[in-house]
């Protein structure tokens, strides 16, 4: 008996999870930290619960800066903690005036 594999559709690669968050750190080379807030209702007590998570993402062109709102996509493992990649910068952070 031969086992027949079902072909995976080509669009499966584009259906990865995407998350929108704010850049919390950009000091590393080609790496940014994204802060994501989420809010949900407790299943039993029906109280609103707030949680936050920090994701480490790959930023090849170093285009995201501290405070920017960005979209990241799940990708293959790049390092021990990096499993996300920057898709695009949705909104630039307000520029604070120079000290000089």
PDB file of N, CA and C in Angstrom:
ATOM      1  N   UNK A   1       0.838  -1.186   0.000  1.00  0.00           N
ATOM      2  CA  UNK A   1       0.000   0.000   0.000  1.00  0.00           C
ATOM      3  C   UNK A   1       0.877   1.240   0.000  1.00  0.00           C
ATOM      4  N   UNK A   2       0.495   2.164  -0.767  1.00  0.00           N
ATOM      5  CA  UNK A   2       1.247   3.412  -0.808  1.00  0.00           C
ATOM      6  C   UNK A   2       0.444   4.517  -0.123  1.00  0.00           C
ATOM      7  N   UNK A   3       1.166   5.338   0.586  1.00  0.00           N
ATOM      8  CA  UNK A   3       0.529   6.460   1.274  1.00  0.00           C
ATOM      9  C   UNK A   3       0.576   7.661   0.344  1.00  0.00           C
ATOM     10  N   UNK A   4      -0.572   8.245   0.144  1.00  0.00           N
ATOM     11  CA  UNK A   4      -0.642   9.385  -0.760  1.00  0.00           C
ATOM     12  C   UNK A   4      -0.724  10.670   0.058  1.00  0.00           C
ATOM     13  N   UNK A   5       0.204  11.572  -0.178  1.00  0.00           N
ATOM     14  CA  UNK A   5       0.228  12.842   0.531  1.00  0.00           C
ATOM     15  C   UNK A   5      -0.664  13.842  -0.176  1.00  0.00           C
ATOM     16  N   UNK A   6      -1.343  14.635   0.620  1.00  0.00           N
ATOM     17  CA  UNK A   6      -2.153  15.696   0.019  1.00  0.00           C
ATOM     18  C   UNK A   6      -1.266  16.899  -0.242  1.00  0.00           C
ATOM     19  N   UNK A   7      -1.351  17.472  -1.408  1.00  0.00           N
ATOM     20  CA  UNK A   7      -0.497  18.626  -1.714  1.00  0.00           C
ATOM     21  C   UNK A   7      -0.909  19.839  -0.884  1.00  0.00           C
ATOM     22  N   UNK A   8       0.091  20.543  -0.380  1.00  0.00           N
ATOM     23  CA  UNK A   8      -0.197  21.756   0.380  1.00  0.00           C
ATOM     24  C   UNK A   8      -0.404  22.907  -0.585  1.00  0.00           C
ATOM     25  N   UNK A   9      -1.405  23.735  -0.342  1.00  0.00           N
ATOM     26  CA  UNK A   9      -1.638  24.862  -1.251  1.00  0.00           C
ATOM     27  C   UNK A   9      -0.520  25.889  -1.145  1.00  0.00           C
ATOM     28  N   UNK A  10      -0.269  26.590  -2.248  1.00  0.00           N
ATOM     29  CA  UNK A  10       0.786  27.596  -2.255  1.00  0.00           C
ATOM     30  C   UNK A  10       0.468  28.767  -1.343  1.00  0.00           C
ATOM     31  N   UNK A  11      -0.821  29.015  -1.107  1.00  0.00           N
ATOM     32  CA  UNK A  11      -1.193  30.152  -0.269  1.00  0.00           C
ATOM     33  C   UNK A  11      -0.993  29.874   1.219  1.00  0.00           C
ATOM     34  N   UNK A  12      -0.619  28.649   1.596  1.00  0.00           N
ATOM     35  CA  UNK A  12      -0.408  28.330   3.008  1.00  0.00           C
ATOM     36  C   UNK A  12       0.752  29.148   3.574  1.00  0.00           C
ATOM     37  N   UNK A  13       1.712  29.491   2.762  1.00  0.00           N
ATOM     38  CA  UNK A  13       2.853  30.268   3.237  1.00  0.00           C
ATOM     39  C   UNK A  13       2.446  31.702   3.583  1.00  0.00           C
ATOM     40  N   UNK A  14       1.444  32.208   2.916  1.00  0.00           N
ATOM     41  CA  UNK A  14       1.020  33.586   3.176  1.00  0.00           C
ATOM     42  C   UNK A  14       0.024  33.682   4.325  1.00  0.00           C
ATOM     43  N   UNK A  15      -0.431  32.555   4.861  1.00  0.00           N
ATOM     44  CA  UNK A  15      -1.425  32.579   5.925  1.00  0.00           C
ATOM     45  C   UNK A  15      -0.799  32.459   7.308  1.00  0.00           C
ATOM     46  N   UNK A  16       0.321  33.118   7.512  1.00  0.00           N
ATOM     47  CA  UNK A  16       0.962  33.114   8.817  1.00  0.00           C
ATOM     48  C   UNK A  16       0.327  34.165   9.713  1.00  0.00           C
ATOM     49  N   UNK A  17       0.506  34.002  11.024  1.00  0.00           N
ATOM     50  CA  UNK A  17      -0.072  34.960  11.963  1.00  0.00           C
ATOM     51  C   UNK A  17       0.604  36.319  11.824  1.00  0.00           C
ATOM     52  N   UNK A  18      -0.179  37.374  11.922  1.00  0.00           N
ATOM     53  CA  UNK A  18       0.360  38.730  11.950  1.00  0.00           C
ATOM     54  C   UNK A  18      -0.154  39.423  13.198  1.00  0.00           C
ATOM     55  N   UNK A  19       0.675  40.288  13.760  1.00  0.00           N
ATOM     56  CA  UNK A  19       0.359  41.003  14.994  1.00  0.00           C
ATOM     57  C   UNK A  19       0.735  42.463  14.805  1.00  0.00           C
ATOM     58  N   UNK A  20      -0.064  43.349  15.383  1.00  0.00           N
ATOM     59  CA  UNK A  20       0.237  44.780  15.365  1.00  0.00           C
ATOM     60  C   UNK A  20       0.629  45.185  16.780  1.00  0.00           C
ATOM     61  N   UNK A  21       1.737  45.915  16.891  1.00  0.00           N
ATOM     62  CA  UNK A  21       2.215  46.342  18.202  1.00  0.00           C
ATOM     63  C   UNK A  21       3.088  47.581  18.085  1.00  0.00           C
ATOM     64  N   UNK A  22       3.647  47.994  19.222  1.00  0.00           N
ATOM     65  CA  UNK A  22       4.477  49.198  19.298  1.00  0.00           C
ATOM     66  C   UNK A  22       5.915  48.783  19.583  1.00  0.00           C
ATOM     67  N   UNK A  23       6.871  49.436  18.907  1.00  0.00           N
ATOM     68  CA  UNK A  23       8.281  49.121  19.108  1.00  0.00           C
ATOM     69  C   UNK A  23       8.700  49.598  20.498  1.00  0.00           C
ATOM     70  N   UNK A  24       9.180  48.651  21.313  1.00  0.00           N
ATOM     71  CA  UNK A  24       9.602  48.960  22.678  1.00  0.00           C
ATOM     72  C   UNK A  24      11.117  49.049  22.799  1.00  0.00           C
ATOM     73  N   UNK A  25      11.843  48.531  21.812  1.00  0.00           N
ATOM     74  CA  UNK A  25      13.299  48.603  21.840  1.00  0.00           C
ATOM     75  C   UNK A  25      13.870  48.417  20.452  1.00  0.00           C
ATOM     76  N   UNK A  26      14.882  49.229  20.127  1.00  0.00           N
ATOM     77  CA  UNK A  26      15.501  49.112  18.797  1.00  0.00           C
ATOM     78  C   UNK A  26      17.024  49.244  18.874  1.00  0.00           C
ATOM     79  N   UNK A  27      17.615  48.878  19.997  1.00  0.00           N
ATOM     80  CA  UNK A  27      19.050  49.075  20.184  1.00  0.00           C
ATOM     81  C   UNK A  27      19.904  47.968  19.564  1.00  0.00           C
ATOM     82  N   UNK A  28      19.328  46.817  19.282  1.00  0.00           N
ATOM     83  CA  UNK A  28      20.102  45.711  18.718  1.00  0.00           C
ATOM     84  C   UNK A  28      20.189  45.843  17.198  1.00  0.00           C
ATOM     85  N   UNK A  29      21.197  45.211  16.632  1.00  0.00           N
ATOM     86  CA  UNK A  29      21.379  45.258  15.182  1.00  0.00           C
ATOM     87  C   UNK A  29      20.354  44.369  14.497  1.00  0.00           C
ATOM     88  N   UNK A  30      19.536  44.957  13.631  1.00  0.00           N
ATOM     89  CA  UNK A  30      18.517  44.256  12.844  1.00  0.00           C
ATOM     90  C   UNK A  30      17.491  43.524  13.702  1.00  0.00           C
ATOM     91  N   UNK A  31      17.305  43.957  14.929  1.00  0.00           N
ATOM     92  CA  UNK A  31      16.345  43.323  15.833  1.00  0.00           C
ATOM     93  C   UNK A  31      15.564  44.399  16.568  1.00  0.00           C
ATOM     94  N   UNK A  32      14.251  44.195  16.695  1.00  0.00           N
ATOM     95  CA  UNK A  32      13.406  45.117  17.449  1.00  0.00           C
ATOM     96  C   UNK A  32      12.545  44.312  18.414  1.00  0.00           C
ATOM     97  N   UNK A  33      12.154  44.963  19.498  1.00  0.00           N
ATOM     98  CA  UNK A  33      11.237  44.359  20.463  1.00  0.00           C
ATOM     99  C   UNK A  33       9.885  45.024  20.292  1.00  0.00           C
ATOM    100  N   UNK A  34       8.833  44.213  20.194  1.00  0.00           N
ATOM    101  CA  UNK A  34       7.485  44.714  19.958  1.00  0.00           C
ATOM    102  C   UNK A  34       6.636  44.442  21.193  1.00  0.00           C
ATOM    103  N   UNK A  35       5.979  45.479  21.700  1.00  0.00           N
ATOM    104  CA  UNK A  35       5.080  45.351  22.837  1.00  0.00           C
ATOM    105  C   UNK A  35       3.651  45.249  22.303  1.00  0.00           C
ATOM    106  N   UNK A  36       2.956  44.158  22.670  1.00  0.00           N
ATOM    107  CA  UNK A  36       1.599  43.912  22.192  1.00  0.00           C
ATOM    108  C   UNK A  36       0.669  43.799  23.392  1.00  0.00           C
ATOM    109  N   UNK A  37      -0.351  44.647  23.437  1.00  0.00           N
ATOM    110  CA  UNK A  37      -1.364  44.587  24.481  1.00  0.00           C
ATOM    111  C   UNK A  37      -2.559  43.810  23.947  1.00  0.00           C
ATOM    112  N   UNK A  38      -3.128  42.956  24.788  1.00  0.00           N
ATOM    113  CA  UNK A  38      -4.351  42.261  24.408  1.00  0.00           C
ATOM    114  C   UNK A  38      -5.290  42.257  25.599  1.00  0.00           C
ATOM    115  N   UNK A  39      -6.563  42.252  25.320  1.00  0.00           N
ATOM    116  CA  UNK A  39      -7.589  42.291  26.357  1.00  0.00           C
ATOM    117  C   UNK A  39      -8.634  41.237  26.020  1.00  0.00           C
ATOM    118  N   UNK A  40      -9.026  40.451  27.033  1.00  0.00           N
ATOM    119  CA  UNK A  40     -10.007  39.398  26.800  1.00  0.00           C
ATOM    120  C   UNK A  40     -10.859  39.222  28.053  1.00  0.00           C
ATOM    121  N   UNK A  41     -11.965  38.520  27.895  1.00  0.00           N
ATOM    122  CA  UNK A  41     -12.873  38.261  28.999  1.00  0.00           C
ATOM    123  C   UNK A  41     -12.555  36.900  29.613  1.00  0.00           C
ATOM    124  N   UNK A  42     -12.486  36.848  30.948  1.00  0.00           N
ATOM    125  CA  UNK A  42     -12.237  35.590  31.630  1.00  0.00           C
ATOM    126  C   UNK A  42     -13.413  34.644  31.371  1.00  0.00           C
ATOM    127  N   UNK A  43     -13.129  33.383  31.017  1.00  0.00           N
ATOM    128  CA  UNK A  43     -14.219  32.484  30.648  1.00  0.00           C
ATOM    129  C   UNK A  43     -15.211  32.189  31.773  1.00  0.00           C
ATOM    130  N   UNK A  44     -14.747  32.157  33.014  1.00  0.00           N
ATOM    131  CA  UNK A  44     -15.637  31.828  34.128  1.00  0.00           C
ATOM    132  C   UNK A  44     -16.195  33.069  34.811  1.00  0.00           C
ATOM    133  N   UNK A  45     -15.317  34.025  35.126  1.00  0.00           N
ATOM    134  CA  UNK A  45     -15.734  35.187  35.924  1.00  0.00           C
ATOM    135  C   UNK A  45     -16.174  36.375  35.084  1.00  0.00           C
ATOM    136  N   UNK A  46     -15.986  36.304  33.780  1.00  0.00           N
ATOM    137  CA  UNK A  46     -16.418  37.334  32.840  1.00  0.00           C
ATOM    138  C   UNK A  46     -15.876  38.724  33.163  1.00  0.00           C
ATOM    139  N   UNK A  47     -14.693  38.760  33.711  1.00  0.00           N
ATOM    140  CA  UNK A  47     -14.035  40.037  33.985  1.00  0.00           C
ATOM    141  C   UNK A  47     -13.035  40.299  32.863  1.00  0.00           C
ATOM    142  N   UNK A  48     -12.884  41.556  32.469  1.00  0.00           N
ATOM    143  CA  UNK A  48     -11.928  41.925  31.431  1.00  0.00           C
ATOM    144  C   UNK A  48     -10.517  41.819  32.005  1.00  0.00           C
ATOM    145  N   UNK A  49      -9.641  41.124  31.282  1.00  0.00           N
ATOM    146  CA  UNK A  49      -8.270  40.923  31.715  1.00  0.00           C
ATOM    147  C   UNK A  49      -7.347  41.526  30.673  1.00  0.00           C
ATOM    148  N   UNK A  50      -6.351  42.276  31.135  1.00  0.00           N
ATOM    149  CA  UNK A  50      -5.363  42.870  30.227  1.00  0.00           C
ATOM    150  C   UNK A  50      -4.039  42.137  30.379  1.00  0.00           C
ATOM    151  N   UNK A  51      -3.446  41.792  29.253  1.00  0.00           N
ATOM    152  CA  UNK A  51      -2.142  41.141  29.234  1.00  0.00           C
ATOM    153  C   UNK A  51      -1.274  41.844  28.203  1.00  0.00           C
ATOM    154  N   UNK A  52       0.036  41.753  28.409  1.00  0.00           N
ATOM    155  CA  UNK A  52       0.956  42.301  27.421  1.00  0.00           C
ATOM    156  C   UNK A  52       2.058  41.286  27.172  1.00  0.00           C
ATOM    157  N   UNK A  53       2.553  41.277  25.962  1.00  0.00           N
ATOM    158  CA  UNK A  53       3.614  40.365  25.565  1.00  0.00           C
ATOM    159  C   UNK A  53       4.656  41.144  24.785  1.00  0.00           C
ATOM    160  N   UNK A  54       5.890  40.695  24.872  1.00  0.00           N
ATOM    161  CA  UNK A  54       6.969  41.310  24.103  1.00  0.00           C
ATOM    162  C   UNK A  54       7.493  40.265  23.127  1.00  0.00           C
ATOM    163  N   UNK A  55       7.489  40.621  21.847  1.00  0.00           N
ATOM    164  CA  UNK A  55       7.972  39.743  20.792  1.00  0.00           C
ATOM    165  C   UNK A  55       9.261  40.335  20.233  1.00  0.00           C
ATOM    166  N   UNK A  56      10.198  39.469  19.882  1.00  0.00           N
ATOM    167  CA  UNK A  56      11.453  39.897  19.268  1.00  0.00           C
ATOM    168  C   UNK A  56      11.336  39.629  17.775  1.00  0.00           C
ATOM    169  N   UNK A  57      11.549  40.663  16.968  1.00  0.00           N
ATOM    170  CA  UNK A  57      11.342  40.550  15.521  1.00  0.00           C
ATOM    171  C   UNK A  57      12.580  40.983  14.744  1.00  0.00           C
ATOM    172  N   UNK A  58      12.717  40.443  13.549  1.00  0.00           N
ATOM    173  CA  UNK A  58      13.834  40.756  12.661  1.00  0.00           C
ATOM    174  C   UNK A  58      13.475  41.967  11.800  1.00  0.00           C
ATOM    175  N   UNK A  59      14.358  42.962  11.786  1.00  0.00           N
ATOM    176  CA  UNK A  59      14.171  44.182  10.996  1.00  0.00           C
ATOM    177  C   UNK A  59      15.394  44.339  10.101  1.00  0.00           C
ATOM    178  N   UNK A  60      15.340  43.757   8.921  1.00  0.00           N
ATOM    179  CA  UNK A  60      16.493  43.707   8.018  1.00  0.00           C
ATOM    180  C   UNK A  60      16.991  45.093   7.623  1.00  0.00           C
ATOM    181  N   UNK A  61      16.088  46.015   7.292  1.00  0.00           N
ATOM    182  CA  UNK A  61      16.478  47.344   6.798  1.00  0.00           C
ATOM    183  C   UNK A  61      16.615  48.378   7.906  1.00  0.00           C
ATOM    184  N   UNK A  62      16.365  47.999   9.146  1.00  0.00           N
ATOM    185  CA  UNK A  62      16.441  48.892  10.307  1.00  0.00           C
ATOM    186  C   UNK A  62      15.572  50.141  10.104  1.00  0.00           C
ATOM    187  N   UNK A  63      14.320  49.930   9.665  1.00  0.00           N
ATOM    188  CA  UNK A  63      13.435  51.052   9.396  1.00  0.00           C
ATOM    189  C   UNK A  63      12.519  51.398  10.568  1.00  0.00           C
ATOM    190  N   UNK A  64      12.337  50.509  11.529  1.00  0.00           N
ATOM    191  CA  UNK A  64      11.457  50.776  12.674  1.00  0.00           C
ATOM    192  C   UNK A  64      12.244  51.456  13.782  1.00  0.00           C
ATOM    193  N   UNK A  65      11.619  52.431  14.408  1.00  0.00           N
ATOM    194  CA  UNK A  65      12.241  53.173  15.505  1.00  0.00           C
ATOM    195  C   UNK A  65      11.370  53.065  16.750  1.00  0.00           C
ATOM    196  N   UNK A  66      11.906  53.464  17.860  1.00  0.00           N
ATOM    197  CA  UNK A  66      11.219  53.406  19.147  1.00  0.00           C
ATOM    198  C   UNK A  66       9.902  54.173  19.089  1.00  0.00           C
ATOM    199  N   UNK A  67       8.809  53.534  19.474  1.00  0.00           N
ATOM    200  CA  UNK A  67       7.498  54.173  19.490  1.00  0.00           C
ATOM    201  C   UNK A  67       6.670  53.994  18.232  1.00  0.00           C
ATOM    202  N   UNK A  68       7.256  53.458  17.165  1.00  0.00           N
ATOM    203  CA  UNK A  68       6.513  53.228  15.921  1.00  0.00           C
ATOM    204  C   UNK A  68       5.495  52.093  16.100  1.00  0.00           C
ATOM    205  N   UNK A  69       4.367  52.210  15.429  1.00  0.00           N
ATOM    206  CA  UNK A  69       3.403  51.119  15.383  1.00  0.00           C
ATOM    207  C   UNK A  69       3.722  50.281  14.152  1.00  0.00           C
ATOM    208  N   UNK A  70       3.943  48.978  14.365  1.00  0.00           N
ATOM    209  CA  UNK A  70       4.390  48.105  13.279  1.00  0.00           C
ATOM    210  C   UNK A  70       3.543  46.848  13.191  1.00  0.00           C
ATOM    211  N   UNK A  71       3.648  46.191  12.047  1.00  0.00           N
ATOM    212  CA  UNK A  71       3.006  44.890  11.845  1.00  0.00           C
ATOM    213  C   UNK A  71       4.111  43.863  11.679  1.00  0.00           C
ATOM    214  N   UNK A  72       4.026  42.747  12.428  1.00  0.00           N
ATOM    215  CA  UNK A  72       5.022  41.690  12.328  1.00  0.00           C
ATOM    216  C   UNK A  72       4.333  40.391  11.920  1.00  0.00           C
ATOM    217  N   UNK A  73       5.094  39.501  11.283  1.00  0.00           N
ATOM    218  CA  UNK A  73       4.561  38.231  10.788  1.00  0.00           C
ATOM    219  C   UNK A  73       5.416  37.090  11.329  1.00  0.00           C
ATOM    220  N   UNK A  74       4.766  35.995  11.653  1.00  0.00           N
ATOM    221  CA  UNK A  74       5.457  34.805  12.119  1.00  0.00           C
ATOM    222  C   UNK A  74       6.313  34.254  10.986  1.00  0.00           C
ATOM    223  N   UNK A  75       7.515  33.811  11.312  1.00  0.00           N
ATOM    224  CA  UNK A  75       8.433  33.320  10.296  1.00  0.00           C
ATOM    225  C   UNK A  75       9.259  32.171  10.873  1.00  0.00           C
ATOM    226  N   UNK A  76      10.174  31.671  10.094  1.00  0.00           N
ATOM    227  CA  UNK A  76      11.039  30.600  10.584  1.00  0.00           C
ATOM    228  C   UNK A  76      11.927  31.138  11.703  1.00  0.00           C
ATOM    229  N   UNK A  77      12.484  30.252  12.501  1.00  0.00           N
ATOM    230  CA  UNK A  77      13.344  30.670  13.595  1.00  0.00           C
ATOM    231  C   UNK A  77      14.627  31.283  13.034  1.00  0.00           C
ATOM    232  N   UNK A  78      14.921  32.502  13.464  1.00  0.00           N
ATOM    233  CA  UNK A  78      16.116  33.202  13.001  1.00  0.00           C
ATOM    234  C   UNK A  78      17.217  33.091  14.049  1.00  0.00           C
ATOM    235  N   UNK A  79      16.835  33.143  15.315  1.00  0.00           N
ATOM    236  CA  UNK A  79      17.768  32.937  16.416  1.00  0.00           C
ATOM    237  C   UNK A  79      16.999  32.275  17.556  1.00  0.00           C
ATOM    238  N   UNK A  80      17.595  32.241  18.728  1.00  0.00           N
ATOM    239  CA  UNK A  80      16.946  31.578  19.862  1.00  0.00           C
ATOM    240  C   UNK A  80      15.601  32.205  20.205  1.00  0.00           C
ATOM    241  N   UNK A  81      15.514  33.519  20.129  1.00  0.00           N
ATOM    242  CA  UNK A  81      14.277  34.202  20.505  1.00  0.00           C
ATOM    243  C   UNK A  81      13.531  34.842  19.335  1.00  0.00           C
ATOM    244  N   UNK A  82      14.173  34.968  18.180  1.00  0.00           N
ATOM    245  CA  UNK A  82      13.537  35.636  17.038  1.00  0.00           C
ATOM    246  C   UNK A  82      12.782  34.664  16.160  1.00  0.00           C
ATOM    247  N   UNK A  83      11.442  34.750  16.183  1.00  0.00           N
ATOM    248  CA  UNK A  83      10.607  33.947  15.283  1.00  0.00           C
ATOM    249  C   UNK A  83       9.596  34.820  14.559  1.00  0.00           C
ATOM    250  N   UNK A  84       9.810  36.114  14.571  1.00  0.00           N
ATOM    251  CA  UNK A  84       8.924  37.072  13.910  1.00  0.00           C
ATOM    252  C   UNK A  84       9.758  37.969  13.012  1.00  0.00           C
ATOM    253  N   UNK A  85       9.128  38.522  11.976  1.00  0.00           N
ATOM    254  CA  UNK A  85       9.809  39.433  11.056  1.00  0.00           C
ATOM    255  C   UNK A  85       8.918  40.654  10.815  1.00  0.00           C
ATOM    256  N   UNK A  86       9.549  41.792  10.654  1.00  0.00           N
ATOM    257  CA  UNK A  86       8.822  43.031  10.392  1.00  0.00           C
ATOM    258  C   UNK A  86       8.217  42.992   8.994  1.00  0.00           C
ATOM    259  N   UNK A  87       6.922  43.323   8.902  1.00  0.00           N
ATOM    260  CA  UNK A  87       6.249  43.393   7.606  1.00  0.00           C
ATOM    261  C   UNK A  87       6.264  44.827   7.111  1.00  0.00           C
ATOM    262  N   UNK A  88       5.777  45.751   7.959  1.00  0.00           N
ATOM    263  CA  UNK A  88       5.754  47.162   7.568  1.00  0.00           C
ATOM    264  C   UNK A  88       5.560  48.036   8.799  1.00  0.00           C
ATOM    265  N   UNK A  89       5.926  49.294   8.645  1.00  0.00           N
ATOM    266  CA  UNK A  89       5.696  50.292   9.684  1.00  0.00           C
ATOM    267  C   UNK A  89       4.364  50.949   9.374  1.00  0.00           C
ATOM    268  N   UNK A  90       3.417  50.828  10.296  1.00  0.00           N
ATOM    269  CA  UNK A  90       2.080  51.380  10.064  1.00  0.00           C
ATOM    270  C   UNK A  90       2.032  52.868  10.382  1.00  0.00           C
ATOM    271  N   UNK A  91       2.672  53.283  11.478  1.00  0.00           N
ATOM    272  CA  UNK A  91       2.614  54.678  11.896  1.00  0.00           C
ATOM    273  C   UNK A  91       3.914  55.047  12.584  1.00  0.00           C
ATOM    274  N   UNK A  92       4.534  56.126  12.125  1.00  0.00           N
ATOM    275  CA  UNK A  92       5.762  56.607  12.737  1.00  0.00           C
ATOM    276  C   UNK A  92       5.471  57.304  14.050  1.00  0.00           C
ATOM    277  N   UNK A  93       6.392  57.214  14.988  1.00  0.00           N
ATOM    278  CA  UNK A  93       6.233  57.874  16.282  1.00  0.00           C
ATOM    279  C   UNK A  93       6.469  59.369  16.124  1.00  0.00           C
ATOM    280  N   UNK A  94       5.855  60.133  17.012  1.00  0.00           N
ATOM    281  CA  UNK A  94       6.058  61.580  17.003  1.00  0.00           C
ATOM    282  C   UNK A  94       7.509  61.879  17.360  1.00  0.00           C
ATOM    283  N   UNK A  95       8.121  62.791  16.621  1.00  0.00           N
ATOM    284  CA  UNK A  95       9.525  63.136  16.852  1.00  0.00           C
ATOM    285  C   UNK A  95       9.592  64.155  17.976  1.00  0.00           C
ATOM    286  N   UNK A  96      10.396  63.854  18.976  1.00  0.00           N
ATOM    287  CA  UNK A  96      10.599  64.756  20.096  1.00  0.00           C
ATOM    288  C   UNK A  96      11.670  65.761  19.710  1.00  0.00           C
ATOM    289  N   UNK A  97      11.500  67.029  20.123  1.00  0.00           N
ATOM    290  CA  UNK A  97      12.429  68.088  19.746  1.00  0.00           C
ATOM    291  C   UNK A  97      13.851  67.830  20.189  1.00  0.00           C
ATOM    292  N   UNK A  98      14.822  68.383  19.450  1.00  0.00           N
ATOM    293  CA  UNK A  98      16.241  68.213  19.774  1.00  0.00           C
ATOM    294  C   UNK A  98      16.608  68.933  21.057  1.00  0.00           C
ATOM    295  N   UNK A  99      17.608  68.421  21.765  1.00  0.00           N
ATOM    296  CA  UNK A  99      18.073  69.037  23.012  1.00  0.00           C
ATOM    297  C   UNK A  99      19.072  70.155  22.712  1.00  0.00           C
ATOM    298  N   UNK A 100      19.595  70.208  21.484  1.00  0.00           N
ATOM    299  CA  UNK A 100      20.592  71.219  21.162  1.00  0.00           C
ATOM    300  C   UNK A 100      19.983  72.549  20.771  1.00  0.00           C
TER     301      UNK A 100
END
